[in-house]
Amino acid sequence: MQKRQLGNSNLEVSAIGLGCMGMSFSYGPPKDIQEMTALLGAAVDRGVTFFDTAEVYGPLLNEELVGEALAPFRGQVVIATKFGFDISPNSDPRGMKGSPGLNSRPEHIKQAVEGSLKRLKVETIDLLYQHRVDPNVPIEDVAGAVKELIDEGKVKHFGLSEAGVQTIRRAHAVQPVTALQSEYSLWWRKPEAEVIPTLEELGIGFVPYSPLGKGFLTGKIDENATFDSSDFRSTLPRFTPEALKANQALIDLLGSIAQRKQATPAQIALAWLLAQKPWIVPIPGTTKLHRLDENIGAVSVELTPDNLRDIDDAASKIMVQGARYPEKLEQMTGR
């Protein structure tokens, strides 16, 4: 597996990481722990060294799973986790009922980190992201709290997720930001306008989540797809039958290039991301070994400048239908 460096930091990770959220959260009921442990081990065997989790996934369950499964590989892997939600019995991590439950107060960050260290079974968190920007806490205070944790040896690198460019700049001035994790793919290209140029200027790595459009860009989801109420996609405007039908043109485009390259649509979507910048590291999630192998295979897919131009030309003519999140969740991004 090829390696990449996240921005100007000394943090080197596999060119494709593994998003672990779906093993415990958001995509139906939590999956079988033994099966997921085996999958995490298989990822390490195949050269994946970058694993993404968060306190809120489960809540807590995903960090426990990742910590236990990756314990035999300490020193070989980089584990990223996140703070920023109020996890209490009555809170709703998704912010769908009432309060979004954001909390990035410095004392809360420190509490969250103590819990994450225990669940991940580590002495230091490799990469700690603020999960969503908290409008009630100045980002300087957040960066300052993480800086103290870095000085104490409890955290190595600081990251932000779905932050706007002014927030990134302000945070970076207090404690250098190693990586931004935000949604980016062929069907969500908003980061190209302001975020990616800012990251390039400041030397910050980019970790796209949902690089396969929450499964859509695999080509396996059409307008007849149905999602259980425990599947987060059942709430997303982009996954209504009308939107899925309208957005099929993007799959047709990926499919035609995939045929030429003897690859799959998912591999083309990931290879496209890898070709954008050398400091971009996508983290597709999966719970299946064959999908893990397919995703890793994207590293070997070579897209020429002509291929990339063809993709851009064709994609620019496709108007993606449907908002990516319900309004309440979209308001928590880009701050």
C-alpha atoms as a PDB file:
ATOM      1  CA  MET A   1       0.000   0.000   0.000  1.00  0.00           C
ATOM      2  CA  GLN A   2       1.292   3.439  -0.910  1.00  0.00           C
ATOM      3  CA  LYS A   3       1.751   5.958   1.902  1.00  0.00           C
ATOM      4  CA  ARG A   4       0.836   9.633   2.028  1.00  0.00           C
ATOM      5  CA  GLN A   5       1.767  12.477   4.348  1.00  0.00           C
ATOM      6  CA  LEU A   6      -1.007  14.629   5.768  1.00  0.00           C
ATOM      7  CA  GLY A   7       0.029  18.140   4.809  1.00  0.00           C
ATOM      8  CA  ASN A   8       3.232  19.504   6.309  1.00  0.00           C
ATOM      9  CA  SER A   9       2.946  17.292   9.370  1.00  0.00           C
ATOM     10  CA  ASN A  10       5.109  14.223   9.898  1.00  0.00           C
ATOM     11  CA  LEU A  11       1.973  12.052  10.028  1.00  0.00           C
ATOM     12  CA  GLU A  12       2.301   9.357   7.360  1.00  0.00           C
ATOM     13  CA  VAL A  13      -0.636   7.037   6.670  1.00  0.00           C
ATOM     14  CA  SER A  14      -1.803   4.561   4.039  1.00  0.00           C
ATOM     15  CA  ALA A  15      -3.117   6.276   0.885  1.00  0.00           C
ATOM     16  CA  ILE A  16      -6.573   4.908   1.695  1.00  0.00           C
ATOM     17  CA  GLY A  17      -7.803   4.663   5.269  1.00  0.00           C
ATOM     18  CA  LEU A  18     -10.783   2.847   6.771  1.00  0.00           C
ATOM     19  CA  GLY A  19     -13.798   4.673   8.161  1.00  0.00           C
ATOM     20  CA  CYS A  20     -15.141   2.525  10.997  1.00  0.00           C
ATOM     21  CA  MET A  21     -18.420   4.324  11.815  1.00  0.00           C
ATOM     22  CA  GLY A  22     -20.711   1.958   9.912  1.00  0.00           C
ATOM     23  CA  MET A  23     -19.520  -1.009  11.969  1.00  0.00           C
ATOM     24  CA  SER A  24     -21.404   0.346  14.986  1.00  0.00           C
ATOM     25  CA  PHE A  25     -23.550   3.310  13.960  1.00  0.00           C
ATOM     26  CA  SER A  26     -25.687   5.009  11.302  1.00  0.00           C
ATOM     27  CA  TYR A  27     -25.969   2.184   8.759  1.00  0.00           C
ATOM     28  CA  GLY A  28     -28.384  -0.166  10.521  1.00  0.00           C
ATOM     29  CA  PRO A  29     -27.805  -2.023  13.815  1.00  0.00           C
ATOM     30  CA  PRO A  30     -24.229  -2.541  15.115  1.00  0.00           C
ATOM     31  CA  LYS A  31     -22.487  -5.358  13.229  1.00  0.00           C
ATOM     32  CA  ASP A  32     -21.113  -8.559  14.785  1.00  0.00           C
ATOM     33  CA  ILE A  33     -18.056  -7.676  16.904  1.00  0.00           C
ATOM     34  CA  GLN A  34     -16.060 -10.784  15.941  1.00  0.00           C
ATOM     35  CA  GLU A  35     -16.668 -10.216  12.228  1.00  0.00           C
ATOM     36  CA  MET A  36     -15.676  -6.549  12.489  1.00  0.00           C
ATOM     37  CA  THR A  37     -12.576  -7.428  14.535  1.00  0.00           C
ATOM     38  CA  ALA A  38     -11.554  -9.852  11.784  1.00  0.00           C
ATOM     39  CA  LEU A  39     -12.187  -7.172   9.141  1.00  0.00           C
ATOM     40  CA  LEU A  40     -10.022  -4.625  10.996  1.00  0.00           C
ATOM     41  CA  GLY A  41      -7.230  -7.202  11.238  1.00  0.00           C
ATOM     42  CA  ALA A  42      -7.576  -7.979   7.528  1.00  0.00           C
ATOM     43  CA  ALA A  43      -7.247  -4.262   6.745  1.00  0.00           C
ATOM     44  CA  VAL A  44      -3.946  -4.105   8.657  1.00  0.00           C
ATOM     45  CA  ASP A  45      -2.725  -7.230   6.821  1.00  0.00           C
ATOM     46  CA  ARG A  46      -3.448  -5.456   3.523  1.00  0.00           C
ATOM     47  CA  GLY A  47      -1.415  -2.384   4.465  1.00  0.00           C
ATOM     48  CA  VAL A  48      -4.120  -0.055   5.793  1.00  0.00           C
ATOM     49  CA  THR A  49      -2.589   1.981   8.627  1.00  0.00           C
ATOM     50  CA  PHE A  50      -5.210   4.741   9.077  1.00  0.00           C
ATOM     51  CA  PHE A  51      -8.424   4.055  11.013  1.00  0.00           C
ATOM     52  CA  ASP A  52     -11.174   6.557  11.760  1.00  0.00           C
ATOM     53  CA  THR A  53     -13.586   6.450  14.696  1.00  0.00           C
ATOM     54  CA  ALA A  54     -15.331   8.899  17.071  1.00  0.00           C
ATOM     55  CA  GLU A  55     -16.691   9.047  20.587  1.00  0.00           C
ATOM     56  CA  VAL A  56     -20.193   9.612  19.227  1.00  0.00           C
ATOM     57  CA  TYR A  57     -20.271   6.488  16.991  1.00  0.00           C
ATOM     58  CA  GLY A  58     -22.404   4.103  18.974  1.00  0.00           C
ATOM     59  CA  PRO A  59     -22.038   6.229  21.126  1.00  0.00           C
ATOM     60  CA  LEU A  60     -18.769   4.805  22.532  1.00  0.00           C
ATOM     61  CA  LEU A  61     -19.200   1.335  20.979  1.00  0.00           C
ATOM     62  CA  ASN A  62     -17.061   2.058  17.927  1.00  0.00           C
ATOM     63  CA  GLU A  63     -14.060   3.278  19.892  1.00  0.00           C
ATOM     64  CA  GLU A  64     -14.288   0.137  22.059  1.00  0.00           C
ATOM     65  CA  LEU A  65     -14.398  -2.096  18.975  1.00  0.00           C
ATOM     66  CA  VAL A  66     -11.490  -0.309  17.259  1.00  0.00           C
ATOM     67  CA  GLY A  67      -9.415  -0.208  20.447  1.00  0.00           C
ATOM     68  CA  GLU A  68      -9.833  -3.918  21.101  1.00  0.00           C
ATOM     69  CA  ALA A  69      -9.374  -5.023  17.470  1.00  0.00           C
ATOM     70  CA  LEU A  70      -6.270  -2.918  16.842  1.00  0.00           C
ATOM     71  CA  ALA A  71      -4.590  -3.576  20.215  1.00  0.00           C
ATOM     72  CA  PRO A  72      -2.289  -6.255  18.665  1.00  0.00           C
ATOM     73  CA  PHE A  73      -1.055  -3.713  16.087  1.00  0.00           C
ATOM     74  CA  ARG A  74       0.049  -0.845  18.357  1.00  0.00           C
ATOM     75  CA  GLY A  75       2.821   1.139  16.747  1.00  0.00           C
ATOM     76  CA  GLN A  76       1.825  -0.032  13.254  1.00  0.00           C
ATOM     77  CA  VAL A  77      -1.414   1.935  12.914  1.00  0.00           C
ATOM     78  CA  VAL A  78      -2.714   5.497  13.238  1.00  0.00           C
ATOM     79  CA  ILE A  79      -6.090   5.862  14.966  1.00  0.00           C
ATOM     80  CA  ALA A  80      -8.070   9.088  14.585  1.00  0.00           C
ATOM     81  CA  THR A  81     -10.990   9.900  16.858  1.00  0.00           C
ATOM     82  CA  LYS A  82     -13.226  12.915  17.518  1.00  0.00           C
ATOM     83  CA  PHE A  83     -14.783  14.943  20.332  1.00  0.00           C
ATOM     84  CA  GLY A  84     -17.434  17.637  20.277  1.00  0.00           C
ATOM     85  CA  PHE A  85     -20.827  16.147  21.077  1.00  0.00           C
ATOM     86  CA  ASP A  86     -22.524  16.016  24.432  1.00  0.00           C
ATOM     87  CA  ILE A  87     -22.970  12.329  25.017  1.00  0.00           C
ATOM     88  CA  SER A  88     -25.506  11.916  27.769  1.00  0.00           C
ATOM     89  CA  PRO A  89     -28.414   9.446  28.036  1.00  0.00           C
ATOM     90  CA  ASN A  90     -30.861  12.086  26.767  1.00  0.00           C
ATOM     91  CA  SER A  91     -28.762  13.632  24.040  1.00  0.00           C
ATOM     92  CA  ASP A  92     -29.221  12.879  20.373  1.00  0.00           C
ATOM     93  CA  PRO A  93     -25.823  12.724  18.662  1.00  0.00           C
ATOM     94  CA  ARG A  94     -27.313  13.288  15.220  1.00  0.00           C
ATOM     95  CA  GLY A  95     -29.090  16.440  16.359  1.00  0.00           C
ATOM     96  CA  MET A  96     -32.327  15.203  14.825  1.00  0.00           C
ATOM     97  CA  LYS A  97     -34.487  15.746  17.929  1.00  0.00           C
ATOM     98  CA  GLY A  98     -34.203  19.145  19.481  1.00  0.00           C
ATOM     99  CA  SER A  99     -30.733  20.181  20.550  1.00  0.00           C
ATOM    100  CA  PRO A 100     -27.775  19.147  18.409  1.00  0.00           C
ATOM    101  CA  GLY A 101     -25.838  18.545  21.630  1.00  0.00           C
ATOM    102  CA  LEU A 102     -22.566  20.185  20.607  1.00  0.00           C
ATOM    103  CA  ASN A 103     -20.030  20.688  23.361  1.00  0.00           C
ATOM    104  CA  SER A 104     -16.436  21.770  22.780  1.00  0.00           C
ATOM    105  CA  ARG A 105     -15.832  23.486  26.108  1.00  0.00           C
ATOM    106  CA  PRO A 106     -12.193  22.895  27.104  1.00  0.00           C
ATOM    107  CA  GLU A 107     -13.083  20.937  30.247  1.00  0.00           C
ATOM    108  CA  HIS A 108     -15.411  18.728  28.200  1.00  0.00           C
ATOM    109  CA  ILE A 109     -12.686  18.098  25.582  1.00  0.00           C
ATOM    110  CA  LYS A 110     -10.342  16.898  28.330  1.00  0.00           C
ATOM    111  CA  GLN A 111     -13.004  14.577  29.776  1.00  0.00           C
ATOM    112  CA  ALA A 112     -13.784  13.202  26.318  1.00  0.00           C
ATOM    113  CA  VAL A 113     -10.100  12.497  25.671  1.00  0.00           C
ATOM    114  CA  GLU A 114      -9.719  10.551  28.930  1.00  0.00           C
ATOM    115  CA  GLY A 115     -12.643   8.339  27.864  1.00  0.00           C
ATOM    116  CA  SER A 116     -11.291   7.870  24.338  1.00  0.00           C
ATOM    117  CA  LEU A 117      -7.826   6.909  25.624  1.00  0.00           C
ATOM    118  CA  LYS A 118      -9.368   4.161  27.775  1.00  0.00           C
ATOM    119  CA  ARG A 119     -11.662   2.807  25.058  1.00  0.00           C
ATOM    120  CA  LEU A 120      -8.927   2.895  22.407  1.00  0.00           C
ATOM    121  CA  LYS A 121      -6.461   1.277  24.851  1.00  0.00           C
ATOM    122  CA  VAL A 122      -3.754   3.786  23.967  1.00  0.00           C
ATOM    123  CA  GLU A 123      -1.615   6.247  25.890  1.00  0.00           C
ATOM    124  CA  THR A 124      -1.714   8.850  23.114  1.00  0.00           C
ATOM    125  CA  ILE A 125      -4.365   9.651  20.487  1.00  0.00           C
ATOM    126  CA  ASP A 126      -2.653   9.898  17.086  1.00  0.00           C
ATOM    127  CA  LEU A 127      -5.102  12.397  15.556  1.00  0.00           C
ATOM    128  CA  LEU A 128      -7.867  14.160  17.474  1.00  0.00           C
ATOM    129  CA  TYR A 129     -10.549  16.012  15.520  1.00  0.00           C
ATOM    130  CA  GLN A 130     -13.173  18.465  16.680  1.00  0.00           C
ATOM    131  CA  HIS A 131     -16.193  16.652  15.205  1.00  0.00           C
ATOM    132  CA  ARG A 132     -18.235  19.781  14.479  1.00  0.00           C
ATOM    133  CA  VAL A 133     -17.499  23.427  15.172  1.00  0.00           C
ATOM    134  CA  ASP A 134     -19.263  24.603  18.359  1.00  0.00           C
ATOM    135  CA  PRO A 135     -20.583  28.153  17.793  1.00  0.00           C
ATOM    136  CA  ASN A 136     -20.678  28.702  21.574  1.00  0.00           C
ATOM    137  CA  VAL A 137     -16.942  28.139  22.120  1.00  0.00           C
ATOM    138  CA  PRO A 138     -14.265  30.263  20.404  1.00  0.00           C
ATOM    139  CA  ILE A 139     -12.138  28.027  18.208  1.00  0.00           C
ATOM    140  CA  GLU A 140      -9.042  29.545  19.853  1.00  0.00           C
ATOM    141  CA  ASP A 141     -10.175  27.989  23.161  1.00  0.00           C
ATOM    142  CA  VAL A 142     -10.694  24.618  21.466  1.00  0.00           C
ATOM    143  CA  ALA A 143      -7.267  24.717  19.792  1.00  0.00           C
ATOM    144  CA  GLY A 144      -5.724  25.849  23.083  1.00  0.00           C
ATOM    145  CA  ALA A 145      -7.234  22.900  24.958  1.00  0.00           C
ATOM    146  CA  VAL A 146      -5.918  20.457  22.341  1.00  0.00           C
ATOM    147  CA  LYS A 147      -2.510  22.172  22.463  1.00  0.00           C
ATOM    148  CA  GLU A 148      -2.397  21.470  26.232  1.00  0.00           C
ATOM    149  CA  LEU A 149      -3.296  17.824  25.587  1.00  0.00           C
ATOM    150  CA  ILE A 150      -0.483  17.623  23.017  1.00  0.00           C
ATOM    151  CA  ASP A 151       1.947  19.165  25.537  1.00  0.00           C
ATOM    152  CA  GLU A 152       0.812  16.531  28.088  1.00  0.00           C
ATOM    153  CA  GLY A 153       1.517  13.728  25.590  1.00  0.00           C
ATOM    154  CA  LYS A 154      -2.125  12.616  25.400  1.00  0.00           C
ATOM    155  CA  VAL A 155      -2.604  13.704  21.770  1.00  0.00           C
ATOM    156  CA  LYS A 156      -0.166  13.875  18.839  1.00  0.00           C
ATOM    157  CA  HIS A 157      -2.060  15.757  16.115  1.00  0.00           C
ATOM    158  CA  PHE A 158      -5.022  18.168  15.953  1.00  0.00           C
ATOM    159  CA  GLY A 159      -7.734  18.017  13.309  1.00  0.00           C
ATOM    160  CA  LEU A 160     -11.009  19.728  12.420  1.00  0.00           C
ATOM    161  CA  SER A 161     -14.101  18.340  10.691  1.00  0.00           C
ATOM    162  CA  GLU A 162     -16.483  20.246   8.401  1.00  0.00           C
ATOM    163  CA  ALA A 163     -14.966  23.575   9.479  1.00  0.00           C
ATOM    164  CA  GLY A 164     -15.103  26.745   7.371  1.00  0.00           C
ATOM    165  CA  VAL A 165     -11.955  28.482   6.153  1.00  0.00           C
ATOM    166  CA  GLN A 166     -11.950  31.283   8.759  1.00  0.00           C
ATOM    167  CA  THR A 167     -12.256  28.730  11.563  1.00  0.00           C
ATOM    168  CA  ILE A 168      -9.418  26.679  10.056  1.00  0.00           C
ATOM    169  CA  ARG A 169      -7.166  29.758   9.935  1.00  0.00           C
ATOM    170  CA  ARG A 170      -7.977  30.831  13.488  1.00  0.00           C
ATOM    171  CA  ALA A 171      -7.428  27.334  14.902  1.00  0.00           C
ATOM    172  CA  HIS A 172      -4.203  26.835  12.936  1.00  0.00           C
ATOM    173  CA  ALA A 173      -2.758  30.068  14.388  1.00  0.00           C
ATOM    174  CA  VAL A 174      -3.069  28.631  17.927  1.00  0.00           C
ATOM    175  CA  GLN A 175      -2.215  24.976  17.300  1.00  0.00           C
ATOM    176  CA  PRO A 176      -1.142  23.774  13.835  1.00  0.00           C
ATOM    177  CA  VAL A 177      -3.923  21.714  12.253  1.00  0.00           C
ATOM    178  CA  THR A 178      -2.679  18.446  10.743  1.00  0.00           C
ATOM    179  CA  ALA A 179      -5.843  17.448   8.869  1.00  0.00           C
ATOM    180  CA  LEU A 180      -9.343  18.529   7.955  1.00  0.00           C
ATOM    181  CA  GLN A 181     -11.946  15.799   7.614  1.00  0.00           C
ATOM    182  CA  SER A 182     -14.942  16.839   5.534  1.00  0.00           C
ATOM    183  CA  GLU A 183     -17.190  15.295   2.927  1.00  0.00           C
ATOM    184  CA  TYR A 184     -15.683  15.347  -0.557  1.00  0.00           C
ATOM    185  CA  SER A 185     -16.423  13.207  -3.588  1.00  0.00           C
ATOM    186  CA  LEU A 186     -17.556  13.465  -7.184  1.00  0.00           C
ATOM    187  CA  TRP A 187     -21.048  14.254  -5.937  1.00  0.00           C
ATOM    188  CA  TRP A 188     -20.029  16.782  -3.254  1.00  0.00           C
ATOM    189  CA  ARG A 189     -17.361  19.111  -4.612  1.00  0.00           C
ATOM    190  CA  LYS A 190     -18.007  22.234  -2.547  1.00  0.00           C
ATOM    191  CA  PRO A 191     -14.580  22.006  -0.774  1.00  0.00           C
ATOM    192  CA  GLU A 192     -12.892  22.816  -4.105  1.00  0.00           C
ATOM    193  CA  ALA A 193     -14.019  26.457  -3.987  1.00  0.00           C
ATOM    194  CA  GLU A 194     -12.346  27.685  -0.796  1.00  0.00           C
ATOM    195  CA  VAL A 195     -11.379  24.842   1.514  1.00  0.00           C
ATOM    196  CA  ILE A 196      -8.841  22.963  -0.626  1.00  0.00           C
ATOM    197  CA  PRO A 197      -6.893  26.137  -1.631  1.00  0.00           C
ATOM    198  CA  THR A 198      -6.756  27.137   2.067  1.00  0.00           C
ATOM    199  CA  LEU A 199      -5.480  23.706   3.108  1.00  0.00           C
ATOM    200  CA  GLU A 200      -2.825  23.858   0.382  1.00  0.00           C
ATOM    201  CA  GLU A 201      -1.706  27.316   1.505  1.00  0.00           C
ATOM    202  CA  LEU A 202      -1.463  26.282   5.177  1.00  0.00           C
ATOM    203  CA  GLY A 203       0.006  22.802   4.603  1.00  0.00           C
ATOM    204  CA  ILE A 204      -2.943  20.898   6.086  1.00  0.00           C
ATOM    205  CA  GLY A 205      -3.899  17.390   4.907  1.00  0.00           C
ATOM    206  CA  PHE A 206      -7.431  16.544   3.719  1.00  0.00           C
ATOM    207  CA  VAL A 207      -9.290  13.405   4.770  1.00  0.00           C
ATOM    208  CA  PRO A 208     -12.504  13.053   2.724  1.00  0.00           C
ATOM    209  CA  TYR A 209     -15.267  11.110   4.447  1.00  0.00           C
ATOM    210  CA  SER A 210     -18.102   9.581   2.409  1.00  0.00           C
ATOM    211  CA  PRO A 211     -15.736   9.448  -0.607  1.00  0.00           C
ATOM    212  CA  LEU A 212     -18.182   6.986  -2.182  1.00  0.00           C
ATOM    213  CA  GLY A 213     -21.220   9.160  -1.508  1.00  0.00           C
ATOM    214  CA  LYS A 214     -22.452   6.967   1.369  1.00  0.00           C
ATOM    215  CA  GLY A 215     -22.457   4.000  -1.013  1.00  0.00           C
ATOM    216  CA  PHE A 216     -24.107   5.687  -3.998  1.00  0.00           C
ATOM    217  CA  LEU A 217     -20.940   5.939  -6.090  1.00  0.00           C
ATOM    218  CA  THR A 218     -20.421   2.172  -5.928  1.00  0.00           C
ATOM    219  CA  GLY A 219     -23.189   1.873  -8.533  1.00  0.00           C
ATOM    220  CA  LYS A 220     -25.082  -0.592  -6.344  1.00  0.00           C
ATOM    221  CA  ILE A 221     -27.866   1.788  -5.265  1.00  0.00           C
ATOM    222  CA  ASP A 222     -30.659   2.778  -7.653  1.00  0.00           C
ATOM    223  CA  GLU A 223     -34.061   4.476  -7.366  1.00  0.00           C
ATOM    224  CA  ASN A 224     -35.630   1.242  -6.061  1.00  0.00           C
ATOM    225  CA  ALA A 225     -33.308   1.092  -3.046  1.00  0.00           C
ATOM    226  CA  THR A 226     -35.006   1.111   0.346  1.00  0.00           C
ATOM    227  CA  PHE A 227     -33.377   2.022   3.648  1.00  0.00           C
ATOM    228  CA  ASP A 228     -34.379   0.770   7.066  1.00  0.00           C
ATOM    229  CA  SER A 229     -35.250   3.459   9.637  1.00  0.00           C
ATOM    230  CA  SER A 230     -32.039   2.533  11.505  1.00  0.00           C
ATOM    231  CA  ASP A 231     -30.077   3.515   8.365  1.00  0.00           C
ATOM    232  CA  PHE A 232     -29.106   7.200   8.419  1.00  0.00           C
ATOM    233  CA  ARG A 233     -29.628   7.421   4.645  1.00  0.00           C
ATOM    234  CA  SER A 234     -33.391   7.059   5.145  1.00  0.00           C
ATOM    235  CA  THR A 235     -33.341  10.703   6.407  1.00  0.00           C
ATOM    236  CA  LEU A 236     -31.195  12.182   3.628  1.00  0.00           C
ATOM    237  CA  PRO A 237     -32.771  14.217   0.786  1.00  0.00           C
ATOM    238  CA  ARG A 238     -30.142  12.866  -1.615  1.00  0.00           C
ATOM    239  CA  PHE A 239     -31.396   9.312  -1.082  1.00  0.00           C
ATOM    240  CA  THR A 240     -35.048   9.816  -2.028  1.00  0.00           C
ATOM    241  CA  PRO A 241     -36.103   7.729  -5.071  1.00  0.00           C
ATOM    242  CA  GLU A 242     -36.402  10.911  -7.200  1.00  0.00           C
ATOM    243  CA  ALA A 243     -32.902  12.096  -6.320  1.00  0.00           C
ATOM    244  CA  LEU A 244     -31.388   8.635  -6.808  1.00  0.00           C
ATOM    245  CA  LYS A 245     -32.968   8.441 -10.244  1.00  0.00           C
ATOM    246  CA  ALA A 246     -31.790  11.951 -11.215  1.00  0.00           C
ATOM    247  CA  ASN A 247     -28.239  11.284  -9.990  1.00  0.00           C
ATOM    248  CA  GLN A 248     -27.874   8.041 -11.925  1.00  0.00           C
ATOM    249  CA  ALA A 249     -26.063   9.989 -14.671  1.00  0.00           C
ATOM    250  CA  LEU A 250     -23.037  10.223 -12.378  1.00  0.00           C
ATOM    251  CA  ILE A 251     -22.976   6.436 -11.986  1.00  0.00           C
ATOM    252  CA  ASP A 252     -23.230   6.005 -15.755  1.00  0.00           C
ATOM    253  CA  LEU A 253     -20.182   8.264 -16.132  1.00  0.00           C
ATOM    254  CA  LEU A 254     -18.153   6.328 -13.551  1.00  0.00           C
ATOM    255  CA  GLY A 255     -19.279   3.036 -15.081  1.00  0.00           C
ATOM    256  CA  SER A 256     -18.119   3.976 -18.575  1.00  0.00           C
ATOM    257  CA  ILE A 257     -14.653   5.007 -17.312  1.00  0.00           C
ATOM    258  CA  ALA A 258     -14.472   1.927 -15.076  1.00  0.00           C
ATOM    259  CA  GLN A 259     -15.058  -0.304 -18.092  1.00  0.00           C
ATOM    260  CA  ARG A 260     -12.175   1.296 -19.966  1.00  0.00           C
ATOM    261  CA  LYS A 261      -9.882   0.940 -16.957  1.00  0.00           C
ATOM    262  CA  GLN A 262     -11.023  -2.588 -16.035  1.00  0.00           C
ATOM    263  CA  ALA A 263     -12.007  -1.233 -12.645  1.00  0.00           C
ATOM    264  CA  THR A 264     -15.253  -0.645 -10.703  1.00  0.00           C
ATOM    265  CA  PRO A 265     -17.165   2.652 -10.341  1.00  0.00           C
ATOM    266  CA  ALA A 266     -16.083   2.805  -6.682  1.00  0.00           C
ATOM    267  CA  GLN A 267     -12.438   2.442  -7.654  1.00  0.00           C
ATOM    268  CA  ILE A 268     -12.732   5.248 -10.201  1.00  0.00           C
ATOM    269  CA  ALA A 269     -14.399   7.512  -7.604  1.00  0.00           C
ATOM    270  CA  LEU A 270     -11.576   6.858  -5.112  1.00  0.00           C
ATOM    271  CA  ALA A 271      -8.816   7.110  -7.750  1.00  0.00           C
ATOM    272  CA  TRP A 272     -10.292  10.478  -8.794  1.00  0.00           C
ATOM    273  CA  LEU A 273      -9.939  11.742  -5.213  1.00  0.00           C
ATOM    274  CA  LEU A 274      -6.375  10.421  -4.901  1.00  0.00           C
ATOM    275  CA  ALA A 275      -5.474  12.210  -8.150  1.00  0.00           C
ATOM    276  CA  GLN A 276      -6.656  15.621  -6.890  1.00  0.00           C
ATOM    277  CA  LYS A 277      -3.808  16.253  -4.411  1.00  0.00           C
ATOM    278  CA  PRO A 278      -0.972  14.121  -2.978  1.00  0.00           C
ATOM    279  CA  TRP A 279      -2.082  15.042   0.561  1.00  0.00           C
ATOM    280  CA  ILE A 280      -5.656  13.774   0.216  1.00  0.00           C
ATOM    281  CA  VAL A 281      -6.411  10.491   2.029  1.00  0.00           C
ATOM    282  CA  PRO A 282      -9.980   9.196   1.613  1.00  0.00           C
ATOM    283  CA  ILE A 283     -11.490   6.969   4.313  1.00  0.00           C
ATOM    284  CA  PRO A 284     -14.201   4.815   2.714  1.00  0.00           C
ATOM    285  CA  GLY A 285     -16.115   2.768   5.252  1.00  0.00           C
ATOM    286  CA  THR A 286     -17.206  -0.827   4.815  1.00  0.00           C
ATOM    287  CA  THR A 287     -18.260  -3.873   6.799  1.00  0.00           C
ATOM    288  CA  LYS A 288     -17.410  -6.378   4.042  1.00  0.00           C
ATOM    289  CA  LEU A 289     -14.055  -7.876   3.122  1.00  0.00           C
ATOM    290  CA  HIS A 290     -14.676  -7.877  -0.637  1.00  0.00           C
ATOM    291  CA  ARG A 291     -15.501  -4.162  -0.495  1.00  0.00           C
ATOM    292  CA  LEU A 292     -12.349  -3.497   1.528  1.00  0.00           C
ATOM    293  CA  ASP A 293     -10.323  -5.235  -1.192  1.00  0.00           C
ATOM    294  CA  GLU A 294     -12.154  -3.297  -3.902  1.00  0.00           C
ATOM    295  CA  ASN A 295     -11.488   0.037  -2.173  1.00  0.00           C
ATOM    296  CA  ILE A 296      -7.806  -0.724  -1.619  1.00  0.00           C
ATOM    297  CA  GLY A 297      -7.550  -1.672  -5.315  1.00  0.00           C
ATOM    298  CA  ALA A 298      -8.269   1.964  -6.209  1.00  0.00           C
ATOM    299  CA  VAL A 299      -4.663   2.832  -5.310  1.00  0.00           C
ATOM    300  CA  SER A 300      -3.514   0.904  -8.403  1.00  0.00           C
ATOM    301  CA  VAL A 301      -5.930   2.634 -10.800  1.00  0.00           C
ATOM    302  CA  GLU A 302      -4.013   5.215 -12.838  1.00  0.00           C
ATOM    303  CA  LEU A 303      -6.117   8.107 -14.128  1.00  0.00           C
ATOM    304  CA  THR A 304      -4.303  10.098 -16.815  1.00  0.00           C
ATOM    305  CA  PRO A 305      -4.704  13.889 -17.182  1.00  0.00           C
ATOM    306  CA  ASP A 306      -6.993  13.105 -20.150  1.00  0.00           C
ATOM    307  CA  ASN A 307      -9.128  10.782 -18.020  1.00  0.00           C
ATOM    308  CA  LEU A 308      -9.403  13.442 -15.326  1.00  0.00           C
ATOM    309  CA  ARG A 309     -10.373  16.065 -17.902  1.00  0.00           C
ATOM    310  CA  ASP A 310     -13.049  13.735 -19.333  1.00  0.00           C
ATOM    311  CA  ILE A 311     -14.449  13.110 -15.851  1.00  0.00           C
ATOM    312  CA  ASP A 312     -14.498  16.836 -15.043  1.00  0.00           C
ATOM    313  CA  ASP A 313     -16.123  17.756 -18.363  1.00  0.00           C
ATOM    314  CA  ALA A 314     -18.816  15.124 -17.997  1.00  0.00           C
ATOM    315  CA  ALA A 315     -19.384  15.740 -14.272  1.00  0.00           C
ATOM    316  CA  SER A 316     -19.750  19.504 -14.834  1.00  0.00           C
ATOM    317  CA  LYS A 317     -22.806  18.811 -17.014  1.00  0.00           C
ATOM    318  CA  ILE A 318     -24.509  16.727 -14.304  1.00  0.00           C
ATOM    319  CA  MET A 319     -26.576  18.640 -11.765  1.00  0.00           C
ATOM    320  CA  VAL A 320     -26.603  16.570  -8.573  1.00  0.00           C
ATOM    321  CA  GLN A 321     -30.102  16.539  -7.059  1.00  0.00           C
ATOM    322  CA  GLY A 322     -31.014  16.644  -3.375  1.00  0.00           C
ATOM    323  CA  ALA A 323     -29.344  18.225  -0.340  1.00  0.00           C
ATOM    324  CA  ARG A 324     -26.676  16.076   1.305  1.00  0.00           C
ATOM    325  CA  TYR A 325     -28.154  16.524   4.809  1.00  0.00           C
ATOM    326  CA  PRO A 326     -31.456  17.633   6.363  1.00  0.00           C
ATOM    327  CA  GLU A 327     -31.258  21.363   7.100  1.00  0.00           C
ATOM    328  CA  LYS A 328     -30.542  20.931  10.821  1.00  0.00           C
ATOM    329  CA  LEU A 329     -27.414  18.854  10.150  1.00  0.00           C
ATOM    330  CA  GLU A 330     -26.256  21.000   7.235  1.00  0.00           C
ATOM    331  CA  GLN A 331     -26.271  24.003   9.586  1.00  0.00           C
ATOM    332  CA  MET A 332     -23.575  22.260  11.638  1.00  0.00           C
ATOM    333  CA  THR A 333     -21.133  22.287   8.710  1.00  0.00           C
ATOM    334  CA  GLY A 334     -18.925  24.957   7.165  1.00  0.00           C
ATOM    335  CA  ARG A 335     -18.844  27.168  10.272  1.00  0.00           C
END
